[in-house]
N, C-alpha and C. Protein backbone atom coordinates (compact mmCIF):
# COMPACT_ATOMS: atom_id res chain seq x y z
N MET A 1 0.85 -1.19 0.00
CA MET A 1 0.00 0.00 0.00
C MET A 1 0.89 1.24 0.00
N ASP A 2 0.44 2.29 -0.69
CA ASP A 2 1.20 3.53 -0.75
C ASP A 2 1.19 4.24 0.60
N ALA A 3 1.97 5.28 0.69
CA ALA A 3 2.04 6.15 1.86
C ALA A 3 2.55 5.44 3.10
N LEU A 4 3.55 4.56 2.91
CA LEU A 4 4.23 4.02 4.07
C LEU A 4 5.00 5.15 4.74
N LEU A 5 5.21 5.03 6.04
CA LEU A 5 5.93 6.08 6.75
C LEU A 5 7.34 6.22 6.20
N THR A 6 7.77 7.45 6.02
CA THR A 6 9.14 7.68 5.60
C THR A 6 10.06 7.51 6.80
N LEU A 7 11.35 7.34 6.56
CA LEU A 7 12.30 7.15 7.66
C LEU A 7 12.32 8.37 8.59
N PRO A 8 12.40 9.61 8.05
CA PRO A 8 12.36 10.77 8.96
C PRO A 8 11.06 10.85 9.75
N GLN A 9 9.97 10.53 9.08
CA GLN A 9 8.66 10.54 9.73
C GLN A 9 8.63 9.52 10.87
N PHE A 10 9.12 8.32 10.58
CA PHE A 10 9.15 7.25 11.58
C PHE A 10 10.06 7.61 12.75
N ALA A 11 11.25 8.12 12.46
CA ALA A 11 12.23 8.42 13.51
C ALA A 11 11.72 9.53 14.43
N ALA A 12 11.15 10.58 13.84
CA ALA A 12 10.65 11.69 14.65
C ALA A 12 9.50 11.23 15.55
N PHE A 13 8.60 10.41 15.00
CA PHE A 13 7.47 9.94 15.79
C PHE A 13 7.94 9.00 16.90
N LEU A 14 8.85 8.09 16.58
CA LEU A 14 9.32 7.12 17.58
C LEU A 14 10.00 7.84 18.74
N ALA A 15 10.81 8.84 18.45
CA ALA A 15 11.49 9.59 19.52
C ALA A 15 10.47 10.27 20.43
N ALA A 16 9.46 10.89 19.82
CA ALA A 16 8.43 11.56 20.61
C ALA A 16 7.62 10.55 21.42
N ALA A 17 7.30 9.40 20.81
CA ALA A 17 6.50 8.38 21.49
C ALA A 17 7.24 7.81 22.70
N VAL A 18 8.53 7.55 22.55
CA VAL A 18 9.32 7.00 23.66
C VAL A 18 9.36 8.00 24.82
N LEU A 19 9.59 9.26 24.52
CA LEU A 19 9.64 10.28 25.56
C LEU A 19 8.30 10.39 26.29
N LEU A 20 7.22 10.34 25.54
CA LEU A 20 5.90 10.44 26.15
C LEU A 20 5.58 9.21 26.99
N THR A 21 6.00 8.04 26.53
CA THR A 21 5.73 6.81 27.27
C THR A 21 6.50 6.77 28.58
N LEU A 22 7.73 7.27 28.56
CA LEU A 22 8.57 7.24 29.75
C LEU A 22 8.24 8.37 30.72
N ALA A 23 7.60 9.43 30.24
CA ALA A 23 7.24 10.53 31.14
C ALA A 23 6.25 10.02 32.19
N PRO A 24 6.41 10.46 33.45
CA PRO A 24 5.49 9.99 34.50
C PRO A 24 4.04 10.26 34.12
N GLY A 25 3.23 9.23 34.18
CA GLY A 25 1.83 9.35 33.81
C GLY A 25 1.04 8.19 34.37
N PRO A 26 -0.28 8.19 34.21
CA PRO A 26 -1.12 7.14 34.81
C PRO A 26 -0.73 5.72 34.40
N ASP A 27 -0.47 5.50 33.11
CA ASP A 27 -0.20 4.14 32.66
C ASP A 27 1.07 3.56 33.28
N ASN A 28 2.20 4.26 33.11
CA ASN A 28 3.43 3.68 33.64
C ASN A 28 3.45 3.70 35.17
N LEU A 29 2.69 4.61 35.80
CA LEU A 29 2.59 4.62 37.25
C LEU A 29 1.84 3.38 37.74
N MET A 30 0.79 3.00 37.02
CA MET A 30 0.04 1.81 37.40
C MET A 30 0.87 0.54 37.17
N VAL A 31 1.60 0.50 36.07
CA VAL A 31 2.46 -0.65 35.79
C VAL A 31 3.53 -0.77 36.87
N LEU A 32 4.13 0.35 37.23
CA LEU A 32 5.18 0.37 38.25
C LEU A 32 4.65 -0.11 39.59
N SER A 33 3.49 0.41 39.99
CA SER A 33 2.94 0.05 41.30
C SER A 33 2.53 -1.42 41.34
N LEU A 34 1.93 -1.91 40.26
CA LEU A 34 1.53 -3.32 40.24
C LEU A 34 2.74 -4.23 40.22
N GLY A 35 3.77 -3.85 39.47
CA GLY A 35 4.98 -4.67 39.43
C GLY A 35 5.61 -4.79 40.80
N MET A 36 5.68 -3.70 41.54
CA MET A 36 6.28 -3.72 42.87
C MET A 36 5.40 -4.47 43.86
N ALA A 37 4.07 -4.32 43.72
CA ALA A 37 3.17 -4.92 44.69
C ALA A 37 2.96 -6.41 44.44
N ARG A 38 2.95 -6.85 43.18
CA ARG A 38 2.53 -8.22 42.89
C ARG A 38 3.52 -9.02 42.04
N GLY A 39 4.65 -8.44 41.73
CA GLY A 39 5.66 -9.20 40.99
C GLY A 39 5.74 -8.81 39.53
N ARG A 40 6.84 -9.23 38.92
CA ARG A 40 7.13 -8.78 37.56
C ARG A 40 6.12 -9.28 36.54
N ARG A 41 5.61 -10.51 36.69
CA ARG A 41 4.65 -11.02 35.71
C ARG A 41 3.36 -10.19 35.72
N SER A 42 2.93 -9.75 36.91
CA SER A 42 1.72 -8.93 37.00
C SER A 42 1.94 -7.58 36.34
N GLY A 43 3.08 -6.95 36.66
CA GLY A 43 3.37 -5.66 36.07
C GLY A 43 3.49 -5.72 34.57
N MET A 44 4.16 -6.75 34.07
CA MET A 44 4.33 -6.89 32.62
C MET A 44 3.00 -7.18 31.93
N ALA A 45 2.16 -8.03 32.55
CA ALA A 45 0.87 -8.37 31.96
C ALA A 45 -0.03 -7.14 31.87
N PHE A 46 -0.10 -6.37 32.96
CA PHE A 46 -0.94 -5.18 32.96
C PHE A 46 -0.40 -4.16 31.96
N GLY A 47 0.93 -4.01 31.93
CA GLY A 47 1.53 -3.06 30.99
C GLY A 47 1.28 -3.43 29.55
N LEU A 48 1.36 -4.72 29.24
CA LEU A 48 1.08 -5.16 27.87
C LEU A 48 -0.37 -4.89 27.51
N GLY A 49 -1.27 -5.08 28.47
CA GLY A 49 -2.68 -4.77 28.22
C GLY A 49 -2.88 -3.30 27.91
N CYS A 50 -2.21 -2.43 28.68
CA CYS A 50 -2.30 -0.98 28.44
C CYS A 50 -1.80 -0.63 27.04
N ALA A 51 -0.68 -1.26 26.65
CA ALA A 51 -0.11 -0.97 25.34
C ALA A 51 -1.03 -1.42 24.22
N ILE A 52 -1.55 -2.64 24.32
CA ILE A 52 -2.43 -3.16 23.28
C ILE A 52 -3.72 -2.35 23.20
N GLY A 53 -4.13 -1.77 24.34
CA GLY A 53 -5.31 -0.92 24.34
C GLY A 53 -5.17 0.28 23.42
N CYS A 54 -3.91 0.66 23.12
CA CYS A 54 -3.68 1.79 22.21
C CYS A 54 -4.18 1.49 20.80
N LEU A 55 -4.28 0.22 20.45
CA LEU A 55 -4.79 -0.14 19.12
C LEU A 55 -6.24 0.31 18.97
N ASN A 56 -6.99 0.28 20.07
CA ASN A 56 -8.38 0.74 20.03
C ASN A 56 -8.42 2.23 19.68
N HIS A 57 -7.55 3.01 20.33
CA HIS A 57 -7.52 4.45 20.06
C HIS A 57 -7.01 4.75 18.66
N THR A 58 -6.09 3.91 18.19
CA THR A 58 -5.58 4.07 16.83
C THR A 58 -6.71 3.88 15.82
N LEU A 59 -7.50 2.84 16.03
CA LEU A 59 -8.62 2.58 15.13
C LEU A 59 -9.63 3.71 15.15
N LEU A 60 -9.95 4.19 16.37
CA LEU A 60 -10.90 5.29 16.50
C LEU A 60 -10.38 6.55 15.80
N ALA A 61 -9.08 6.84 15.99
CA ALA A 61 -8.51 8.03 15.36
C ALA A 61 -8.51 7.90 13.85
N ALA A 62 -8.16 6.71 13.35
CA ALA A 62 -8.09 6.49 11.91
C ALA A 62 -9.47 6.62 11.26
N LEU A 63 -10.49 6.17 11.98
CA LEU A 63 -11.85 6.23 11.43
C LEU A 63 -12.53 7.56 11.69
N GLY A 64 -11.90 8.40 12.52
CA GLY A 64 -12.50 9.70 12.81
C GLY A 64 -13.52 9.68 13.92
N ILE A 65 -13.69 8.51 14.58
CA ILE A 65 -14.71 8.43 15.63
C ILE A 65 -14.29 9.24 16.85
N SER A 66 -12.98 9.31 17.11
CA SER A 66 -12.51 10.08 18.25
C SER A 66 -12.93 11.54 18.13
N ALA A 67 -12.92 12.07 16.92
CA ALA A 67 -13.33 13.46 16.71
C ALA A 67 -14.79 13.64 17.09
N LEU A 68 -15.62 12.65 16.78
CA LEU A 68 -17.03 12.74 17.12
C LEU A 68 -17.22 12.70 18.63
N ILE A 69 -16.45 11.84 19.33
CA ILE A 69 -16.54 11.76 20.78
C ILE A 69 -16.10 13.08 21.41
N ALA A 70 -15.00 13.62 20.88
CA ALA A 70 -14.48 14.88 21.43
C ALA A 70 -15.47 16.02 21.20
N ALA A 71 -16.23 15.94 20.13
CA ALA A 71 -17.18 17.01 19.80
C ALA A 71 -18.48 16.89 20.59
N SER A 72 -18.69 15.76 21.24
CA SER A 72 -19.93 15.54 21.99
C SER A 72 -19.64 15.57 23.49
N PRO A 73 -19.99 16.64 24.18
CA PRO A 73 -19.74 16.72 25.62
C PRO A 73 -20.39 15.57 26.39
N PHE A 74 -21.59 15.16 25.97
CA PHE A 74 -22.28 14.08 26.67
C PHE A 74 -21.52 12.76 26.54
N ALA A 75 -21.10 12.44 25.30
CA ALA A 75 -20.38 11.18 25.08
C ALA A 75 -19.06 11.17 25.85
N PHE A 76 -18.37 12.31 25.84
CA PHE A 76 -17.10 12.40 26.55
C PHE A 76 -17.31 12.23 28.05
N THR A 77 -18.36 12.86 28.59
CA THR A 77 -18.64 12.77 30.02
C THR A 77 -18.96 11.34 30.43
N VAL A 78 -19.77 10.66 29.64
CA VAL A 78 -20.12 9.27 29.94
C VAL A 78 -18.88 8.40 29.95
N LEU A 79 -18.04 8.59 28.95
CA LEU A 79 -16.82 7.79 28.86
C LEU A 79 -15.87 8.10 30.01
N LYS A 80 -15.79 9.36 30.39
CA LYS A 80 -14.92 9.76 31.49
C LYS A 80 -15.39 9.16 32.81
N ILE A 81 -16.68 9.18 33.05
CA ILE A 81 -17.23 8.60 34.28
C ILE A 81 -16.98 7.10 34.32
N ALA A 82 -17.20 6.43 33.18
CA ALA A 82 -16.97 4.99 33.13
C ALA A 82 -15.51 4.65 33.41
N GLY A 83 -14.60 5.39 32.80
CA GLY A 83 -13.19 5.14 33.02
C GLY A 83 -12.77 5.41 34.45
N GLY A 84 -13.25 6.52 35.02
CA GLY A 84 -12.91 6.85 36.39
C GLY A 84 -13.42 5.82 37.38
N LEU A 85 -14.67 5.41 37.21
CA LEU A 85 -15.25 4.41 38.11
C LEU A 85 -14.52 3.08 38.00
N TYR A 86 -14.10 2.73 36.80
CA TYR A 86 -13.39 1.46 36.62
C TYR A 86 -12.06 1.48 37.36
N LEU A 87 -11.32 2.59 37.27
CA LEU A 87 -10.04 2.70 37.98
C LEU A 87 -10.25 2.68 39.49
N VAL A 88 -11.28 3.37 39.97
CA VAL A 88 -11.59 3.35 41.40
C VAL A 88 -11.92 1.94 41.85
N TRP A 89 -12.68 1.23 41.04
CA TRP A 89 -13.03 -0.16 41.38
C TRP A 89 -11.79 -1.04 41.44
N LEU A 90 -10.88 -0.88 40.46
CA LEU A 90 -9.64 -1.65 40.48
C LEU A 90 -8.85 -1.38 41.76
N GLY A 91 -8.76 -0.11 42.14
CA GLY A 91 -8.02 0.25 43.33
C GLY A 91 -8.66 -0.31 44.59
N ALA A 92 -9.98 -0.21 44.67
CA ALA A 92 -10.69 -0.73 45.84
C ALA A 92 -10.49 -2.24 45.97
N GLN A 93 -10.51 -2.94 44.83
CA GLN A 93 -10.28 -4.38 44.86
C GLN A 93 -8.88 -4.70 45.36
N ALA A 94 -7.89 -3.94 44.90
CA ALA A 94 -6.51 -4.18 45.33
C ALA A 94 -6.35 -3.94 46.82
N ILE A 95 -6.98 -2.89 47.34
CA ILE A 95 -6.90 -2.59 48.77
C ILE A 95 -7.61 -3.66 49.59
N ARG A 96 -8.79 -4.05 49.13
CA ARG A 96 -9.58 -5.04 49.88
C ARG A 96 -8.91 -6.40 49.91
N ASN A 97 -8.22 -6.75 48.82
CA ASN A 97 -7.60 -8.08 48.73
C ASN A 97 -6.12 -8.08 49.09
N ALA A 98 -5.63 -6.98 49.67
CA ALA A 98 -4.21 -6.91 50.06
C ALA A 98 -3.90 -8.01 51.05
N ARG A 99 -2.91 -8.86 50.72
CA ARG A 99 -2.58 -10.00 51.58
C ARG A 99 -1.12 -10.00 52.01
N GLY A 100 -0.28 -9.33 51.23
CA GLY A 100 1.12 -9.31 51.61
C GLY A 100 1.81 -10.65 51.43
N ALA A 101 1.31 -11.46 50.54
CA ALA A 101 1.93 -12.75 50.31
C ALA A 101 3.28 -12.57 49.64
N ALA A 102 4.24 -13.41 50.01
CA ALA A 102 5.57 -13.33 49.41
C ALA A 102 5.51 -13.74 47.96
N VAL A 103 6.34 -13.15 47.13
CA VAL A 103 6.40 -13.48 45.72
C VAL A 103 7.79 -14.00 45.41
N PRO A 104 7.97 -15.32 45.30
CA PRO A 104 9.29 -15.86 45.03
C PRO A 104 9.82 -15.36 43.70
N ALA A 105 11.13 -15.13 43.63
CA ALA A 105 11.74 -14.64 42.39
C ALA A 105 11.45 -15.57 41.24
N GLY A 106 10.95 -14.98 40.15
CA GLY A 106 10.70 -15.74 38.95
C GLY A 106 9.42 -16.54 38.97
N ALA A 107 8.65 -16.43 40.04
CA ALA A 107 7.43 -17.22 40.15
C ALA A 107 6.22 -16.38 39.81
N ALA A 108 5.10 -17.05 39.52
CA ALA A 108 3.86 -16.34 39.26
C ALA A 108 3.30 -15.83 40.58
N ASP A 109 2.44 -14.85 40.53
CA ASP A 109 1.91 -14.25 41.74
C ASP A 109 1.07 -15.23 42.54
N GLY A 110 0.27 -16.01 41.85
CA GLY A 110 -0.60 -16.92 42.56
C GLY A 110 -1.85 -16.25 43.08
N ARG A 111 -2.03 -14.96 42.86
CA ARG A 111 -3.19 -14.25 43.37
C ARG A 111 -4.13 -13.84 42.26
N GLU A 112 -3.63 -13.51 41.13
CA GLU A 112 -4.46 -13.07 40.02
C GLU A 112 -3.74 -13.46 38.73
N SER A 113 -4.46 -14.10 37.83
CA SER A 113 -3.82 -14.60 36.62
C SER A 113 -3.32 -13.46 35.75
N VAL A 114 -2.25 -13.75 35.01
CA VAL A 114 -1.70 -12.72 34.12
C VAL A 114 -2.72 -12.38 33.03
N GLY A 115 -3.53 -13.34 32.63
CA GLY A 115 -4.56 -13.07 31.62
C GLY A 115 -5.58 -12.05 32.12
N ARG A 116 -5.95 -12.19 33.38
CA ARG A 116 -6.92 -11.26 33.94
C ARG A 116 -6.32 -9.87 34.07
N LEU A 117 -5.07 -9.79 34.51
CA LEU A 117 -4.41 -8.49 34.62
C LEU A 117 -4.22 -7.85 33.25
N PHE A 118 -3.92 -8.67 32.25
CA PHE A 118 -3.81 -8.15 30.89
C PHE A 118 -5.13 -7.53 30.45
N ARG A 119 -6.23 -8.22 30.71
CA ARG A 119 -7.54 -7.70 30.32
C ARG A 119 -7.87 -6.42 31.08
N ARG A 120 -7.47 -6.36 32.35
CA ARG A 120 -7.73 -5.14 33.12
C ARG A 120 -6.96 -3.95 32.55
N GLY A 121 -5.70 -4.19 32.19
CA GLY A 121 -4.92 -3.13 31.58
C GLY A 121 -5.50 -2.69 30.25
N LEU A 122 -5.97 -3.67 29.49
CA LEU A 122 -6.57 -3.38 28.18
C LEU A 122 -7.80 -2.50 28.32
N VAL A 123 -8.68 -2.88 29.26
CA VAL A 123 -9.92 -2.12 29.46
C VAL A 123 -9.62 -0.74 30.03
N ALA A 124 -8.70 -0.68 31.02
CA ALA A 124 -8.38 0.60 31.66
C ALA A 124 -7.88 1.61 30.64
N ASN A 125 -7.09 1.15 29.68
CA ASN A 125 -6.57 2.05 28.66
C ASN A 125 -7.62 2.35 27.59
N ALA A 126 -8.36 1.33 27.18
CA ALA A 126 -9.28 1.48 26.05
C ALA A 126 -10.43 2.43 26.34
N ILE A 127 -10.84 2.54 27.62
CA ILE A 127 -11.99 3.39 27.93
C ILE A 127 -11.56 4.72 28.55
N ASN A 128 -10.26 5.00 28.51
CA ASN A 128 -9.78 6.27 29.07
C ASN A 128 -9.98 7.39 28.05
N PRO A 129 -10.89 8.32 28.30
CA PRO A 129 -11.17 9.36 27.30
C PRO A 129 -9.99 10.29 27.05
N LYS A 130 -9.14 10.46 28.05
CA LYS A 130 -7.99 11.34 27.86
C LYS A 130 -7.00 10.73 26.87
N VAL A 131 -6.90 9.42 26.86
CA VAL A 131 -6.02 8.76 25.90
C VAL A 131 -6.61 8.89 24.49
N ILE A 132 -7.93 8.80 24.40
CA ILE A 132 -8.60 8.98 23.10
C ILE A 132 -8.27 10.36 22.54
N LEU A 133 -8.41 11.38 23.39
CA LEU A 133 -8.14 12.74 22.93
C LEU A 133 -6.65 12.94 22.63
N PHE A 134 -5.80 12.27 23.41
CA PHE A 134 -4.37 12.37 23.17
C PHE A 134 -4.03 11.82 21.78
N PHE A 135 -4.57 10.68 21.44
CA PHE A 135 -4.29 10.09 20.13
C PHE A 135 -4.85 10.97 19.02
N LEU A 136 -6.02 11.54 19.27
CA LEU A 136 -6.62 12.40 18.26
C LEU A 136 -5.76 13.63 17.99
N ALA A 137 -5.09 14.13 19.04
CA ALA A 137 -4.27 15.33 18.89
C ALA A 137 -2.84 15.01 18.48
N PHE A 138 -2.33 13.86 18.92
CA PHE A 138 -0.90 13.56 18.75
C PHE A 138 -0.58 12.93 17.39
N LEU A 139 -1.32 11.90 17.01
CA LEU A 139 -0.98 11.18 15.78
C LEU A 139 -1.01 12.05 14.53
N PRO A 140 -2.04 12.89 14.34
CA PRO A 140 -2.09 13.68 13.10
C PRO A 140 -0.91 14.64 12.92
N GLN A 141 -0.21 14.98 14.02
CA GLN A 141 0.92 15.89 13.89
C GLN A 141 2.06 15.29 13.07
N PHE A 142 2.07 13.96 12.95
CA PHE A 142 3.14 13.29 12.22
C PHE A 142 2.67 12.72 10.88
N VAL A 143 1.46 13.13 10.48
CA VAL A 143 0.91 12.69 9.20
C VAL A 143 1.30 13.69 8.11
N ASP A 144 1.74 13.16 6.99
CA ASP A 144 2.05 13.99 5.82
C ASP A 144 0.84 13.93 4.89
N ALA A 145 -0.05 14.92 5.04
CA ALA A 145 -1.30 14.90 4.28
C ALA A 145 -1.06 14.96 2.78
N ALA A 146 0.05 15.56 2.37
CA ALA A 146 0.34 15.69 0.94
C ALA A 146 0.57 14.32 0.29
N ARG A 147 0.93 13.34 1.07
CA ARG A 147 1.21 12.01 0.54
C ARG A 147 -0.06 11.15 0.46
N GLY A 148 -1.16 11.66 1.01
CA GLY A 148 -2.43 10.96 0.93
C GLY A 148 -2.51 9.79 1.91
N HIS A 149 -3.61 9.02 1.82
CA HIS A 149 -3.84 7.83 2.65
C HIS A 149 -3.67 8.16 4.13
N VAL A 150 -4.33 9.23 4.57
CA VAL A 150 -4.18 9.69 5.95
C VAL A 150 -4.58 8.62 6.98
N PRO A 151 -5.73 7.93 6.82
CA PRO A 151 -6.07 6.88 7.80
C PRO A 151 -5.00 5.80 7.89
N TRP A 152 -4.40 5.44 6.75
CA TRP A 152 -3.36 4.41 6.75
C TRP A 152 -2.11 4.91 7.47
N GLN A 153 -1.76 6.16 7.29
CA GLN A 153 -0.62 6.73 8.01
C GLN A 153 -0.88 6.74 9.51
N ILE A 154 -2.09 7.12 9.91
CA ILE A 154 -2.44 7.13 11.33
C ILE A 154 -2.37 5.72 11.91
N ALA A 155 -2.84 4.73 11.15
CA ALA A 155 -2.79 3.35 11.61
C ALA A 155 -1.35 2.89 11.83
N GLN A 156 -0.45 3.25 10.93
CA GLN A 156 0.97 2.89 11.10
C GLN A 156 1.57 3.56 12.33
N LEU A 157 1.26 4.84 12.51
CA LEU A 157 1.77 5.56 13.67
C LEU A 157 1.25 4.93 14.97
N GLY A 158 -0.01 4.58 14.97
CA GLY A 158 -0.58 3.95 16.16
C GLY A 158 0.06 2.60 16.46
N LEU A 159 0.38 1.85 15.40
CA LEU A 159 1.03 0.56 15.60
C LEU A 159 2.44 0.75 16.17
N VAL A 160 3.16 1.74 15.66
CA VAL A 160 4.49 2.04 16.19
C VAL A 160 4.39 2.41 17.67
N PHE A 161 3.41 3.24 18.01
CA PHE A 161 3.24 3.65 19.40
C PHE A 161 2.93 2.44 20.28
N THR A 162 2.09 1.55 19.79
CA THR A 162 1.72 0.37 20.55
C THR A 162 2.92 -0.54 20.81
N VAL A 163 3.72 -0.79 19.78
CA VAL A 163 4.88 -1.68 19.93
C VAL A 163 5.89 -1.12 20.91
N GLN A 164 6.24 0.17 20.75
CA GLN A 164 7.22 0.74 21.69
C GLN A 164 6.64 0.80 23.10
N GLY A 165 5.34 1.03 23.21
CA GLY A 165 4.70 1.05 24.53
C GLY A 165 4.76 -0.31 25.20
N ALA A 166 4.52 -1.38 24.41
CA ALA A 166 4.58 -2.73 24.96
C ALA A 166 5.98 -3.05 25.47
N LEU A 167 7.01 -2.66 24.71
CA LEU A 167 8.39 -2.93 25.10
C LEU A 167 8.76 -2.15 26.37
N LEU A 168 8.40 -0.87 26.41
CA LEU A 168 8.78 -0.04 27.56
C LEU A 168 7.98 -0.41 28.80
N PHE A 169 6.68 -0.64 28.65
CA PHE A 169 5.87 -1.04 29.80
C PHE A 169 6.33 -2.40 30.33
N GLY A 170 6.70 -3.30 29.40
CA GLY A 170 7.21 -4.60 29.82
C GLY A 170 8.49 -4.46 30.63
N ALA A 171 9.37 -3.56 30.20
CA ALA A 171 10.62 -3.33 30.92
C ALA A 171 10.35 -2.72 32.29
N ILE A 172 9.41 -1.77 32.35
CA ILE A 172 9.06 -1.16 33.64
C ILE A 172 8.50 -2.22 34.59
N GLY A 173 7.59 -3.06 34.08
CA GLY A 173 7.01 -4.12 34.91
C GLY A 173 8.05 -5.11 35.38
N TRP A 174 9.01 -5.44 34.52
CA TRP A 174 10.05 -6.40 34.87
C TRP A 174 10.95 -5.87 35.99
N PHE A 175 11.45 -4.66 35.83
CA PHE A 175 12.36 -4.12 36.83
C PHE A 175 11.64 -3.76 38.12
N ALA A 176 10.41 -3.26 38.02
CA ALA A 176 9.63 -2.98 39.22
C ALA A 176 9.33 -4.28 39.96
N GLY A 177 9.05 -5.34 39.20
CA GLY A 177 8.79 -6.63 39.81
C GLY A 177 10.01 -7.18 40.53
N SER A 178 11.19 -6.95 39.98
CA SER A 178 12.42 -7.41 40.63
C SER A 178 12.58 -6.76 41.99
N VAL A 179 12.28 -5.46 42.06
CA VAL A 179 12.35 -4.75 43.34
C VAL A 179 11.25 -5.26 44.27
N GLY A 180 10.05 -5.40 43.70
CA GLY A 180 8.91 -5.84 44.51
C GLY A 180 9.09 -7.23 45.08
N GLU A 181 9.72 -8.12 44.32
CA GLU A 181 9.92 -9.48 44.79
C GLU A 181 10.84 -9.52 46.01
N ARG A 182 11.81 -8.61 46.05
CA ARG A 182 12.69 -8.54 47.21
C ARG A 182 11.96 -7.96 48.42
N LEU A 183 11.19 -6.89 48.15
CA LEU A 183 10.47 -6.24 49.24
C LEU A 183 9.36 -7.13 49.80
N ALA A 184 8.71 -7.91 48.91
CA ALA A 184 7.54 -8.69 49.31
C ALA A 184 7.89 -9.89 50.18
N ARG A 185 9.17 -10.16 50.40
CA ARG A 185 9.54 -11.24 51.32
C ARG A 185 9.13 -10.87 52.75
N ASN A 186 8.88 -9.60 52.97
CA ASN A 186 8.33 -9.13 54.24
C ASN A 186 6.81 -9.05 54.07
N PRO A 187 6.03 -9.96 54.66
CA PRO A 187 4.58 -10.00 54.43
C PRO A 187 3.88 -8.68 54.74
N ALA A 188 4.27 -8.04 55.85
CA ALA A 188 3.61 -6.79 56.21
C ALA A 188 3.88 -5.71 55.16
N LEU A 189 5.10 -5.67 54.66
CA LEU A 189 5.45 -4.69 53.63
C LEU A 189 4.70 -5.01 52.34
N GLY A 190 4.55 -6.30 52.03
CA GLY A 190 3.80 -6.69 50.84
C GLY A 190 2.36 -6.23 50.89
N THR A 191 1.76 -6.30 52.09
CA THR A 191 0.39 -5.82 52.26
C THR A 191 0.30 -4.33 51.98
N TRP A 192 1.27 -3.56 52.49
CA TRP A 192 1.26 -2.12 52.26
C TRP A 192 1.52 -1.78 50.81
N LEU A 193 2.34 -2.57 50.12
CA LEU A 193 2.56 -2.35 48.70
C LEU A 193 1.26 -2.52 47.92
N ASP A 194 0.47 -3.54 48.27
CA ASP A 194 -0.82 -3.74 47.63
C ASP A 194 -1.73 -2.54 47.88
N ARG A 195 -1.71 -2.06 49.12
CA ARG A 195 -2.58 -0.93 49.46
C ARG A 195 -2.14 0.34 48.73
N VAL A 196 -0.84 0.54 48.62
CA VAL A 196 -0.33 1.71 47.90
C VAL A 196 -0.74 1.63 46.43
N ALA A 197 -0.56 0.43 45.83
CA ALA A 197 -0.96 0.25 44.43
C ALA A 197 -2.45 0.54 44.26
N GLY A 198 -3.27 0.03 45.18
CA GLY A 198 -4.71 0.29 45.11
C GLY A 198 -5.02 1.75 45.28
N GLY A 199 -4.30 2.41 46.20
CA GLY A 199 -4.51 3.84 46.41
C GLY A 199 -4.19 4.67 45.17
N ILE A 200 -3.15 4.25 44.44
CA ILE A 200 -2.79 4.96 43.20
C ILE A 200 -3.91 4.83 42.17
N PHE A 201 -4.48 3.64 42.04
CA PHE A 201 -5.59 3.43 41.11
C PHE A 201 -6.79 4.30 41.50
N VAL A 202 -7.11 4.31 42.80
CA VAL A 202 -8.25 5.10 43.27
C VAL A 202 -8.02 6.59 43.01
N ALA A 203 -6.80 7.06 43.29
CA ALA A 203 -6.49 8.48 43.09
C ALA A 203 -6.58 8.87 41.62
N LEU A 204 -6.07 8.00 40.74
CA LEU A 204 -6.13 8.30 39.32
C LEU A 204 -7.57 8.29 38.81
N GLY A 205 -8.36 7.34 39.33
CA GLY A 205 -9.77 7.30 38.94
C GLY A 205 -10.53 8.51 39.42
N ALA A 206 -10.26 8.93 40.66
CA ALA A 206 -10.92 10.12 41.21
C ALA A 206 -10.53 11.37 40.43
N LYS A 207 -9.25 11.45 40.04
CA LYS A 207 -8.80 12.59 39.27
C LYS A 207 -9.51 12.66 37.92
N LEU A 208 -9.71 11.49 37.31
CA LEU A 208 -10.42 11.44 36.03
C LEU A 208 -11.87 11.87 36.19
N LEU A 209 -12.48 11.48 37.33
CA LEU A 209 -13.89 11.80 37.56
C LEU A 209 -14.12 13.30 37.79
N VAL A 210 -13.21 13.92 38.54
CA VAL A 210 -13.43 15.32 38.90
C VAL A 210 -12.75 16.29 37.95
N GLY A 211 -11.81 15.79 37.13
CA GLY A 211 -11.09 16.68 36.21
C GLY A 211 -11.98 17.12 35.07
N ARG A 212 -11.62 18.26 34.50
CA ARG A 212 -12.39 18.79 33.35
C ARG A 212 -11.82 18.28 32.05
């Protein structure tokens, strides 16, 4: 298909995407907290879910649906409330189920399957209205409209963002899990790590609910 990304186009976008992914924000903060609280597999699974969730926003941006959502205050409000409540629910569940169980190095958590954490990350990212608006504003800046096939260019950019996000979130989850596995040998500290992770989810959800 025509209008493949040019090398300068790809390089400029990748550099910007990496910087944005590494900048402190809700996604990498949640991956970091989960990795420390529940081990590297949990952090990596949730992070991969967040990254794959970007494909949803890529599709919406390419089809122009994000613009319609952004133009409708009611639709945006509904989506924002749903996303905020979901994050609050995730945090409340983490706090309620805090056990402080030790996580042996290299072992699975034994508390929540990686598949379930992946799905939670996927949903948390996919229904976040701020991410939808971010993709709507960010991806078109790297589109060369003169070359045509704008939806196809947006799709490629979104795929690049998703791949680099999966790699970086996976690395964050891995290294955070390594730290968490050492800390979690202390059961009481493990319980507090779970509570801190849950508190972060609740705070981010509350911020989404009350933010404009």
